[in-house]
N, C-alpha and C. Protein backbone atom coordinates (compact mmCIF):
# COMPACT_ATOMS: atom_id res chain seq x y z
N MET A 1 -7.98 -64.70 -97.06
CA MET A 1 -8.60 -64.99 -96.51
C MET A 1 -7.17 -65.24 -95.22
N VAL A 2 -7.78 -65.28 -93.88
CA VAL A 2 -7.04 -65.65 -92.73
C VAL A 2 -7.67 -66.51 -92.13
N ILE A 3 -7.25 -67.96 -91.60
CA ILE A 3 -7.55 -69.00 -90.81
C ILE A 3 -7.25 -68.86 -89.67
N LEU A 4 -7.90 -68.20 -88.67
CA LEU A 4 -7.32 -67.99 -86.56
C LEU A 4 -7.73 -69.64 -86.00
N MET A 5 -6.20 -69.85 -85.77
CA MET A 5 -6.08 -71.47 -85.30
C MET A 5 -6.14 -71.44 -83.65
N GLY A 6 -6.94 -71.98 -83.07
CA GLY A 6 -6.20 -72.27 -81.70
C GLY A 6 -6.30 -71.00 -80.81
N SER A 7 -4.99 -71.14 -80.24
CA SER A 7 -5.35 -70.20 -78.74
C SER A 7 -5.20 -68.89 -79.40
N ILE A 8 -6.02 -68.14 -78.22
CA ILE A 8 -6.31 -66.63 -78.59
C ILE A 8 -5.18 -65.66 -78.36
N PRO A 9 -4.63 -65.44 -77.83
CA PRO A 9 -4.12 -63.97 -77.43
C PRO A 9 -3.01 -63.96 -78.53
N ASP A 10 -1.81 -65.32 -78.97
CA ASP A 10 -1.01 -64.88 -79.51
C ASP A 10 -1.11 -65.00 -81.06
N ARG A 11 -2.87 -65.43 -81.16
CA ARG A 11 -2.78 -65.95 -82.89
C ARG A 11 -4.28 -64.75 -83.01
N VAL A 12 -4.79 -64.43 -82.09
CA VAL A 12 -5.42 -63.24 -82.62
C VAL A 12 -4.44 -61.60 -82.47
N LEU A 13 -3.59 -61.79 -82.07
CA LEU A 13 -2.66 -60.71 -82.23
C LEU A 13 -1.98 -61.07 -83.59
N GLN A 14 -1.70 -61.48 -84.34
CA GLN A 14 -1.19 -61.92 -84.91
C GLN A 14 -1.71 -61.40 -86.41
N ALA A 15 -3.01 -62.23 -86.36
CA ALA A 15 -4.19 -61.74 -87.19
C ALA A 15 -4.67 -60.36 -87.64
N ALA A 16 -5.04 -59.97 -86.21
CA ALA A 16 -4.73 -58.63 -86.26
C ALA A 16 -4.25 -57.86 -87.23
N ASP A 17 -2.57 -58.00 -87.17
CA ASP A 17 -1.09 -57.91 -87.89
C ASP A 17 -2.04 -57.63 -88.99
N LEU A 18 -1.83 -58.46 -89.61
CA LEU A 18 -2.04 -59.47 -90.73
C LEU A 18 -3.17 -58.46 -91.68
N TYR A 19 -4.51 -57.80 -90.90
CA TYR A 19 -5.24 -57.60 -91.38
C TYR A 19 -5.80 -56.14 -91.32
N LYS A 20 -4.37 -55.46 -90.03
CA LYS A 20 -3.97 -53.92 -90.43
C LYS A 20 -3.65 -53.72 -91.58
N LYS A 21 -2.38 -54.41 -91.95
CA LYS A 21 -1.44 -54.57 -92.70
C LYS A 21 -2.14 -54.83 -94.39
N GLY A 22 -3.56 -55.15 -94.33
CA GLY A 22 -3.94 -55.09 -95.49
C GLY A 22 -3.66 -56.49 -96.20
N ILE A 23 -3.10 -57.09 -95.32
CA ILE A 23 -2.68 -58.71 -96.09
C ILE A 23 -3.52 -59.65 -96.26
N ALA A 24 -5.01 -59.93 -95.29
CA ALA A 24 -5.91 -60.07 -95.41
C ALA A 24 -6.80 -59.38 -94.92
N GLY A 25 -8.32 -59.42 -95.58
CA GLY A 25 -9.41 -58.63 -95.78
C GLY A 25 -10.46 -59.88 -94.68
N LYS A 26 -10.46 -61.16 -94.78
CA LYS A 26 -11.55 -61.29 -93.82
C LYS A 26 -10.55 -62.38 -92.98
N VAL A 27 -10.99 -62.81 -92.09
CA VAL A 27 -10.73 -63.57 -90.63
C VAL A 27 -11.52 -64.91 -90.60
N ILE A 28 -11.42 -65.73 -90.68
CA ILE A 28 -12.38 -66.80 -90.57
C ILE A 28 -11.92 -67.82 -88.97
N ILE A 29 -12.80 -68.14 -88.20
CA ILE A 29 -12.56 -68.58 -87.15
C ILE A 29 -13.57 -70.39 -86.75
N VAL A 30 -13.00 -71.11 -86.88
CA VAL A 30 -13.78 -72.23 -86.68
C VAL A 30 -14.27 -72.31 -84.95
N GLU A 31 -15.25 -73.05 -84.79
CA GLU A 31 -15.84 -73.00 -83.83
C GLU A 31 -14.63 -74.36 -82.74
N GLU A 32 -14.37 -73.54 -81.84
CA GLU A 32 -13.69 -74.48 -81.10
C GLU A 32 -14.27 -75.50 -79.98
N SER A 33 -14.28 -76.90 -79.49
CA SER A 33 -14.68 -77.61 -79.00
C SER A 33 -13.92 -77.13 -77.30
N MET A 34 -15.24 -76.78 -76.55
CA MET A 34 -14.22 -76.98 -75.38
C MET A 34 -14.85 -77.79 -74.54
N GLY A 35 -15.09 -79.18 -74.58
CA GLY A 35 -15.40 -80.14 -73.76
C GLY A 35 -16.88 -80.07 -73.57
N ALA A 36 -16.88 -80.12 -72.22
CA ALA A 36 -18.31 -79.80 -71.22
C ALA A 36 -19.02 -78.52 -71.56
N TYR A 37 -18.58 -77.80 -72.04
CA TYR A 37 -19.16 -76.47 -72.28
C TYR A 37 -20.96 -76.52 -72.59
N GLN A 38 -20.58 -77.37 -73.66
CA GLN A 38 -22.57 -77.25 -73.92
C GLN A 38 -23.32 -77.71 -72.33
N ALA A 39 -22.50 -79.17 -71.53
CA ALA A 39 -23.17 -79.26 -70.26
C ALA A 39 -23.52 -78.00 -69.27
N LEU A 40 -22.44 -77.68 -69.68
CA LEU A 40 -22.32 -75.93 -68.95
C LEU A 40 -23.68 -74.71 -68.70
N GLU A 41 -23.81 -74.85 -70.33
CA GLU A 41 -24.58 -73.99 -70.85
C GLU A 41 -26.14 -74.51 -70.44
N LYS A 42 -26.28 -76.30 -70.33
CA LYS A 42 -27.62 -76.92 -70.42
C LYS A 42 -27.85 -76.45 -69.21
N GLN A 43 -26.67 -76.73 -67.91
CA GLN A 43 -27.35 -76.61 -66.78
C GLN A 43 -27.20 -75.56 -65.99
N GLY A 44 -27.47 -74.00 -67.11
CA GLY A 44 -27.46 -72.78 -66.59
C GLY A 44 -26.13 -72.19 -66.39
N ALA A 45 -24.75 -72.20 -66.46
CA ALA A 45 -23.50 -71.91 -66.14
C ALA A 45 -23.26 -71.51 -67.96
N HIS A 46 -23.32 -69.77 -67.59
CA HIS A 46 -22.92 -69.43 -69.01
C HIS A 46 -21.79 -68.77 -68.73
N ILE A 47 -20.91 -69.01 -69.71
CA ILE A 47 -19.42 -68.80 -69.58
C ILE A 47 -19.08 -68.45 -71.50
N ILE A 48 -18.09 -67.33 -71.94
CA ILE A 48 -18.04 -67.37 -72.67
C ILE A 48 -16.89 -68.00 -73.33
N SER A 49 -17.61 -68.34 -74.76
CA SER A 49 -16.79 -69.64 -75.58
C SER A 49 -15.02 -69.35 -75.84
N ASN A 50 -14.36 -69.77 -76.40
CA ASN A 50 -12.88 -69.87 -76.87
C ASN A 50 -13.35 -68.67 -78.14
N THR A 51 -14.05 -69.31 -78.79
CA THR A 51 -14.39 -68.47 -79.49
C THR A 51 -14.81 -67.42 -79.90
N THR A 52 -16.13 -67.13 -79.21
CA THR A 52 -16.27 -65.81 -79.12
C THR A 52 -15.29 -64.89 -78.73
N GLN A 53 -14.63 -65.62 -77.53
CA GLN A 53 -13.40 -64.59 -77.13
C GLN A 53 -12.68 -63.69 -78.10
N ALA A 54 -12.22 -64.97 -79.40
CA ALA A 54 -11.12 -65.17 -80.07
C ALA A 54 -11.71 -63.78 -81.00
N GLN A 55 -13.46 -63.89 -81.17
CA GLN A 55 -14.24 -63.10 -82.27
C GLN A 55 -14.52 -61.44 -81.50
N ASN A 56 -14.51 -61.57 -80.10
CA ASN A 56 -14.54 -60.29 -79.55
C ASN A 56 -13.23 -59.51 -79.32
N ALA A 57 -11.85 -60.02 -79.18
CA ALA A 57 -10.58 -60.02 -79.11
C ALA A 57 -10.21 -59.02 -80.83
N CYS A 58 -10.71 -59.43 -81.84
CA CYS A 58 -10.56 -59.41 -83.48
C CYS A 58 -10.80 -58.12 -83.48
N VAL A 59 -12.30 -58.16 -83.08
CA VAL A 59 -12.77 -56.62 -83.01
C VAL A 59 -12.88 -55.43 -82.19
N SER A 60 -11.67 -56.02 -80.71
CA SER A 60 -11.49 -55.14 -80.48
C SER A 60 -10.19 -54.45 -80.51
N LEU A 61 -9.62 -54.99 -81.64
CA LEU A 61 -8.19 -54.81 -82.03
C LEU A 61 -8.49 -54.25 -83.57
N GLY A 62 -10.08 -53.84 -83.39
CA GLY A 62 -10.03 -53.40 -85.29
C GLY A 62 -10.37 -53.90 -86.58
N ILE A 63 -10.89 -55.38 -86.28
CA ILE A 63 -11.39 -56.18 -86.99
C ILE A 63 -12.54 -55.82 -87.32
N PRO A 64 -13.50 -55.09 -87.99
CA PRO A 64 -14.83 -55.31 -88.09
C PRO A 64 -15.35 -56.51 -88.06
N ALA A 65 -16.81 -56.63 -87.46
CA ALA A 65 -17.60 -57.69 -86.75
C ALA A 65 -18.13 -58.37 -88.04
N ASP A 66 -17.60 -57.58 -89.54
CA ASP A 66 -18.65 -57.87 -90.43
C ASP A 66 -17.30 -58.96 -91.46
N SER A 67 -16.44 -58.24 -91.18
CA SER A 67 -14.96 -59.18 -91.55
C SER A 67 -14.39 -60.30 -90.89
N ILE A 68 -15.24 -60.74 -90.06
CA ILE A 68 -15.15 -62.14 -89.54
C ILE A 68 -16.18 -63.36 -89.04
N THR A 69 -16.15 -64.38 -90.21
CA THR A 69 -16.41 -65.37 -90.29
C THR A 69 -16.36 -66.35 -89.05
N ILE A 70 -17.46 -67.17 -88.34
CA ILE A 70 -17.36 -68.10 -87.41
C ILE A 70 -17.55 -69.16 -88.12
N LEU A 71 -17.20 -70.06 -88.24
CA LEU A 71 -17.48 -71.72 -88.99
C LEU A 71 -17.98 -72.60 -87.23
N PRO A 72 -19.04 -72.58 -87.66
CA PRO A 72 -19.81 -73.94 -86.84
C PRO A 72 -19.33 -75.21 -86.55
N GLY A 73 -19.27 -75.84 -85.71
CA GLY A 73 -18.11 -77.38 -86.00
C GLY A 73 -17.65 -77.83 -84.94
N ASP A 74 -17.42 -77.25 -83.38
CA ASP A 74 -17.09 -78.04 -82.16
C ASP A 74 -15.82 -78.54 -82.65
N ALA A 75 -14.74 -78.01 -83.25
CA ALA A 75 -13.40 -79.20 -83.64
C ALA A 75 -12.67 -79.25 -82.39
N ARG A 76 -11.93 -80.41 -82.47
CA ARG A 76 -11.18 -80.69 -81.08
C ARG A 76 -9.90 -81.13 -81.87
N SER A 77 -9.61 -80.66 -83.40
CA SER A 77 -8.37 -80.91 -83.89
C SER A 77 -7.77 -80.02 -85.24
N THR A 78 -6.43 -80.22 -85.45
CA THR A 78 -6.48 -79.23 -86.32
C THR A 78 -7.04 -79.93 -87.86
N GLN A 79 -7.05 -81.03 -87.76
CA GLN A 79 -7.90 -82.02 -88.80
C GLN A 79 -9.31 -81.42 -89.00
N GLN A 80 -9.66 -81.26 -87.82
CA GLN A 80 -11.23 -81.18 -88.22
C GLN A 80 -11.21 -79.66 -88.41
N GLU A 81 -10.69 -79.07 -88.12
CA GLU A 81 -10.82 -77.38 -88.61
C GLU A 81 -10.69 -77.41 -90.01
N ALA A 82 -9.40 -78.51 -90.84
CA ALA A 82 -8.72 -78.34 -92.05
C ALA A 82 -10.45 -78.65 -92.67
N VAL A 83 -11.10 -79.57 -92.20
CA VAL A 83 -11.99 -80.71 -93.39
C VAL A 83 -13.81 -79.58 -92.81
N ILE A 84 -13.62 -78.92 -91.74
CA ILE A 84 -14.43 -78.00 -92.17
C ILE A 84 -14.28 -76.30 -92.80
N VAL A 85 -13.38 -76.12 -93.27
CA VAL A 85 -13.23 -74.94 -93.77
C VAL A 85 -13.03 -75.19 -95.21
N LYS A 86 -12.15 -76.51 -95.53
CA LYS A 86 -12.72 -77.52 -96.45
C LYS A 86 -14.28 -77.39 -97.17
N GLU A 87 -15.00 -77.94 -96.48
CA GLU A 87 -16.60 -77.38 -96.65
C GLU A 87 -17.10 -76.63 -96.82
N TYR A 88 -16.53 -75.46 -96.27
CA TYR A 88 -17.33 -74.40 -95.97
C TYR A 88 -16.55 -73.32 -97.48
N LEU A 89 -15.39 -73.71 -97.82
CA LEU A 89 -15.12 -73.36 -99.31
C LEU A 89 -15.07 -73.40 -100.73
N SER A 90 -15.83 -74.95 -100.42
CA SER A 90 -15.89 -75.61 -101.21
C SER A 90 -17.50 -75.02 -102.09
N LYS A 91 -18.52 -74.25 -100.80
CA LYS A 91 -19.69 -73.67 -101.22
C LYS A 91 -19.15 -72.65 -101.28
N THR A 92 -18.35 -72.15 -100.87
CA THR A 92 -17.99 -69.99 -100.98
C THR A 92 -16.73 -70.04 -102.35
N PRO A 93 -17.78 -70.12 -103.48
CA PRO A 93 -16.60 -69.70 -104.67
C PRO A 93 -15.86 -68.44 -104.07
N GLY A 94 -14.97 -68.21 -104.74
CA GLY A 94 -13.97 -66.72 -105.19
C GLY A 94 -12.75 -66.61 -104.26
N ILE A 95 -12.68 -67.45 -102.60
CA ILE A 95 -11.82 -67.14 -102.40
C ILE A 95 -10.72 -68.70 -102.55
N ASP A 96 -9.54 -67.82 -102.85
CA ASP A 96 -8.68 -68.49 -103.58
C ASP A 96 -7.11 -69.13 -102.72
N THR A 97 -6.95 -68.24 -101.62
CA THR A 97 -5.95 -68.38 -100.96
C THR A 97 -6.34 -68.12 -99.57
N LEU A 98 -5.73 -69.12 -98.69
CA LEU A 98 -5.96 -69.20 -97.23
C LEU A 98 -4.67 -68.91 -96.37
N LEU A 99 -4.49 -67.94 -95.55
CA LEU A 99 -3.02 -67.50 -94.90
C LEU A 99 -3.35 -68.25 -92.77
N ILE A 100 -2.97 -68.75 -93.18
CA ILE A 100 -3.07 -69.93 -91.67
C ILE A 100 -2.45 -69.37 -90.44
N VAL A 101 -3.18 -68.76 -89.55
CA VAL A 101 -2.20 -67.90 -88.48
C VAL A 101 -2.76 -69.03 -86.95
N SER A 102 -1.30 -69.28 -86.73
CA SER A 102 -1.47 -70.10 -85.81
C SER A 102 0.37 -70.35 -85.00
N SER A 103 0.23 -71.23 -83.79
CA SER A 103 1.73 -70.43 -83.50
C SER A 103 2.92 -71.23 -83.55
N SER A 104 4.54 -70.63 -83.87
CA SER A 104 5.00 -70.73 -84.43
C SER A 104 6.01 -72.47 -84.40
N ASP A 105 5.33 -73.10 -83.40
CA ASP A 105 5.54 -74.61 -83.43
C ASP A 105 4.43 -75.21 -83.91
N HIS A 106 3.51 -74.63 -84.11
CA HIS A 106 2.17 -75.46 -84.94
C HIS A 106 2.36 -75.63 -86.39
N THR A 107 2.57 -73.89 -87.20
CA THR A 107 2.60 -73.93 -88.51
C THR A 107 3.00 -75.09 -88.79
N ARG A 108 4.06 -75.36 -88.87
CA ARG A 108 4.08 -76.78 -90.13
C ARG A 108 3.30 -77.59 -90.50
N ARG A 109 3.04 -78.20 -89.27
CA ARG A 109 1.79 -79.35 -89.45
C ARG A 109 0.81 -78.46 -89.57
N ALA A 110 0.06 -77.69 -89.27
CA ALA A 110 -1.24 -76.87 -89.77
C ALA A 110 -1.29 -76.63 -91.01
N SER A 111 -0.21 -76.49 -91.83
CA SER A 111 0.08 -76.31 -92.94
C SER A 111 -0.14 -77.49 -93.87
N ILE A 112 0.87 -78.30 -94.15
CA ILE A 112 0.47 -79.62 -93.98
C ILE A 112 -1.11 -80.38 -93.71
N ILE A 113 -1.83 -80.09 -93.13
CA ILE A 113 -2.75 -80.95 -92.39
C ILE A 113 -4.16 -80.06 -93.66
N PHE A 114 -3.69 -78.61 -94.06
CA PHE A 114 -4.40 -78.15 -94.65
C PHE A 114 -4.50 -78.30 -96.06
N ARG A 115 -3.27 -78.34 -96.19
CA ARG A 115 -2.91 -78.78 -97.73
C ARG A 115 -3.15 -80.08 -98.50
N LYS A 116 -2.79 -81.75 -97.55
CA LYS A 116 -3.66 -82.38 -97.44
C LYS A 116 -5.32 -82.68 -98.18
N ALA A 117 -5.55 -81.95 -96.84
CA ALA A 117 -7.26 -81.23 -97.16
C ALA A 117 -7.72 -81.04 -98.25
N PHE A 118 -7.07 -80.29 -99.09
CA PHE A 118 -7.65 -79.74 -99.77
C PHE A 118 -7.57 -80.03 -101.45
N GLU A 119 -5.64 -80.99 -101.10
CA GLU A 119 -5.15 -81.56 -102.11
C GLU A 119 -6.43 -82.85 -102.55
N LYS A 120 -7.32 -83.04 -101.63
CA LYS A 120 -8.05 -84.62 -102.35
C LYS A 120 -8.90 -84.03 -103.04
N ILE A 121 -10.06 -83.18 -102.89
CA ILE A 121 -10.75 -82.14 -103.65
C ILE A 121 -10.69 -81.65 -104.67
N LYS A 122 -8.85 -81.97 -104.63
CA LYS A 122 -8.73 -80.53 -105.80
C LYS A 122 -9.21 -78.83 -105.85
N LEU A 123 -9.66 -78.76 -104.87
CA LEU A 123 -10.13 -77.37 -104.64
C LEU A 123 -8.97 -76.48 -104.86
N PRO A 124 -8.90 -74.76 -105.73
CA PRO A 124 -7.73 -74.38 -106.31
C PRO A 124 -7.99 -73.44 -105.20
N VAL A 125 -7.04 -73.84 -103.96
CA VAL A 125 -6.29 -72.90 -103.22
C VAL A 125 -5.12 -72.82 -102.69
N VAL A 126 -4.50 -72.20 -102.25
CA VAL A 126 -3.39 -71.45 -102.07
C VAL A 126 -3.32 -71.28 -100.57
N ILE A 127 -2.59 -72.33 -99.93
CA ILE A 127 -2.52 -72.25 -98.40
C ILE A 127 -0.50 -72.00 -97.95
N CYS A 128 -1.17 -70.92 -97.49
CA CYS A 128 0.15 -70.24 -96.88
C CYS A 128 -0.11 -70.33 -94.84
N SER A 129 1.57 -69.50 -94.44
CA SER A 129 1.28 -69.81 -93.10
C SER A 129 1.54 -68.65 -92.63
N SER A 130 1.04 -68.22 -91.26
CA SER A 130 1.83 -66.83 -90.70
C SER A 130 1.91 -67.24 -89.73
N PRO A 131 3.32 -68.00 -89.07
CA PRO A 131 3.28 -67.65 -87.39
C PRO A 131 3.49 -66.81 -86.12
N SER A 132 2.65 -66.96 -85.35
CA SER A 132 2.49 -65.75 -84.90
C SER A 132 4.04 -65.34 -84.22
N LYS A 133 3.81 -64.13 -84.33
CA LYS A 133 5.51 -63.69 -83.83
C LYS A 133 5.04 -63.41 -82.25
N TYR A 134 3.97 -63.30 -81.44
CA TYR A 134 3.55 -63.45 -80.12
C TYR A 134 3.55 -64.36 -79.41
N THR A 135 4.67 -65.41 -80.18
CA THR A 135 4.48 -66.74 -78.55
C THR A 135 5.97 -66.85 -78.33
N ASN A 136 6.42 -67.05 -77.81
CA ASN A 136 6.91 -67.66 -76.34
C ASN A 136 8.09 -68.54 -77.40
N PHE A 137 7.46 -69.41 -77.66
CA PHE A 137 8.88 -70.20 -78.64
C PHE A 137 10.10 -69.64 -79.94
N ARG A 138 10.78 -70.04 -79.30
CA ARG A 138 12.02 -69.87 -80.15
C ARG A 138 12.90 -70.24 -81.21
N ALA A 139 12.32 -70.74 -82.29
CA ALA A 139 12.61 -71.87 -83.07
C ALA A 139 14.34 -71.34 -83.19
N ASP A 140 14.93 -70.86 -82.83
CA ASP A 140 16.25 -70.46 -83.00
C ASP A 140 17.15 -71.42 -82.05
N THR A 141 16.63 -71.58 -80.77
CA THR A 141 16.98 -72.20 -79.67
C THR A 141 16.50 -72.71 -78.51
N TRP A 142 15.25 -73.64 -79.36
CA TRP A 142 14.28 -74.66 -78.54
C TRP A 142 15.03 -75.81 -78.22
N TRP A 143 16.41 -76.38 -78.40
CA TRP A 143 16.88 -77.28 -78.37
C TRP A 143 17.24 -76.56 -75.97
N LYS A 144 17.25 -75.34 -76.66
CA LYS A 144 18.08 -75.13 -74.93
C LYS A 144 17.10 -74.72 -73.99
N HIS A 145 15.55 -75.22 -74.22
CA HIS A 145 14.94 -75.29 -73.19
C HIS A 145 13.60 -75.88 -73.46
N LYS A 146 13.92 -76.51 -71.91
CA LYS A 146 13.37 -77.94 -71.72
C LYS A 146 11.85 -77.84 -71.72
N GLU A 147 10.70 -76.65 -71.65
CA GLU A 147 9.15 -76.77 -72.00
C GLU A 147 9.47 -76.42 -73.47
N GLU A 148 10.48 -76.28 -74.46
CA GLU A 148 10.75 -75.93 -75.91
C GLU A 148 10.67 -77.40 -76.20
N ILE A 149 11.57 -77.92 -75.84
CA ILE A 149 11.97 -79.39 -76.16
C ILE A 149 10.51 -80.16 -76.03
N GLN A 150 9.80 -79.81 -75.17
CA GLN A 150 8.61 -80.95 -74.63
C GLN A 150 7.73 -80.55 -76.20
N VAL A 151 7.63 -79.22 -76.95
CA VAL A 151 6.37 -78.72 -77.82
C VAL A 151 6.81 -79.32 -79.00
N VAL A 152 8.12 -79.30 -79.28
CA VAL A 152 8.65 -79.90 -80.29
C VAL A 152 8.59 -81.24 -80.55
N LEU A 153 9.05 -81.62 -79.11
CA LEU A 153 8.59 -83.51 -79.27
C LEU A 153 7.14 -83.73 -79.71
N ALA A 154 5.99 -83.03 -79.31
CA ALA A 154 4.44 -82.73 -79.45
C ALA A 154 4.26 -82.67 -80.10
N GLU A 155 5.02 -82.24 -80.84
CA GLU A 155 4.07 -81.70 -81.89
C GLU A 155 5.08 -83.00 -83.67
N TYR A 156 6.13 -83.34 -83.68
CA TYR A 156 6.75 -84.51 -84.13
C TYR A 156 5.72 -85.80 -84.25
N VAL A 157 5.37 -85.93 -82.52
CA VAL A 157 4.62 -87.16 -82.55
C VAL A 157 3.34 -87.00 -82.87
N LYS A 158 2.30 -85.91 -83.07
CA LYS A 158 1.57 -85.19 -84.18
C LYS A 158 1.42 -85.18 -84.77
N LEU A 159 2.49 -85.25 -85.52
CA LEU A 159 2.58 -85.46 -87.33
C LEU A 159 2.84 -86.52 -87.84
N LEU A 160 3.46 -87.53 -86.77
CA LEU A 160 3.90 -88.83 -87.05
C LEU A 160 2.31 -89.32 -87.42
N ASN A 161 1.71 -88.91 -86.15
CA ASN A 161 -0.19 -89.65 -85.97
C ASN A 161 -0.59 -89.51 -87.20
N PHE A 162 -0.42 -87.64 -87.40
CA PHE A 162 -1.03 -87.43 -88.79
C PHE A 162 -0.76 -88.79 -90.38
N TRP A 163 0.16 -88.38 -90.01
CA TRP A 163 0.61 -89.14 -91.67
C TRP A 163 0.37 -91.02 -91.56
N ILE A 164 0.51 -91.58 -90.46
CA ILE A 164 0.07 -92.31 -90.15
C ILE A 164 -1.34 -92.96 -90.09
N PHE A 165 -2.29 -92.26 -88.82
CA PHE A 165 -3.85 -92.64 -88.97
C PHE A 165 -4.75 -91.44 -89.24
N ASP A 166 -4.53 -90.40 -89.37
CA ASP A 166 -5.72 -89.31 -89.33
C ASP A 166 -5.63 -88.72 -90.94
N LYS A 167 -4.28 -88.55 -92.02
CA LYS A 167 -4.86 -88.19 -93.44
C LYS A 167 -5.31 -88.56 -94.11
N ARG A 168 -6.14 -89.64 -94.10
CA ARG A 168 -6.95 -90.82 -94.64
C ARG A 168 -8.13 -89.98 -94.29
N LYS A 169 -8.52 -89.38 -93.13
CA LYS A 169 -9.61 -88.77 -92.90
C LYS A 169 -10.56 -87.49 -92.64
N LEU A 170 -9.02 -86.98 -93.95
CA LEU A 170 -9.24 -85.23 -95.09
C LEU A 170 -9.96 -85.61 -96.26
């Protein structure tokens, strides 16, 4: 089971690769918060949500629609995604492995968060990660590029925030 997180292009491409290789037979997409999206809808402005775009892209890349599960939740963070997936799996027997697809710079933190979420309820699920090979982040030379230094520093700040504040919320 692949958990597709966050930004659309790089992660959808990675999820499609994993599906086509037979590594994952199902894809879960947690509904992402889009801020004032619901207010736009109420006022008659219809835009396609990020979640729907990700689902449509998955189908366009060959993943059958019935192999994609959208979990409602208006998630604003990786922690919220982990909680939503944890609740879903606690009610859905038979899923014992999750392969989290994320950007390469975000993979470590996402894995830690998901493992912590499942550890608390002792749900026997193996958590693996698959960093997208379609990102521009270069793990071997990140310190040479200003934008990538900023990404790494932001990830460390978010990881510290998780350990100090957010891990109790899982």
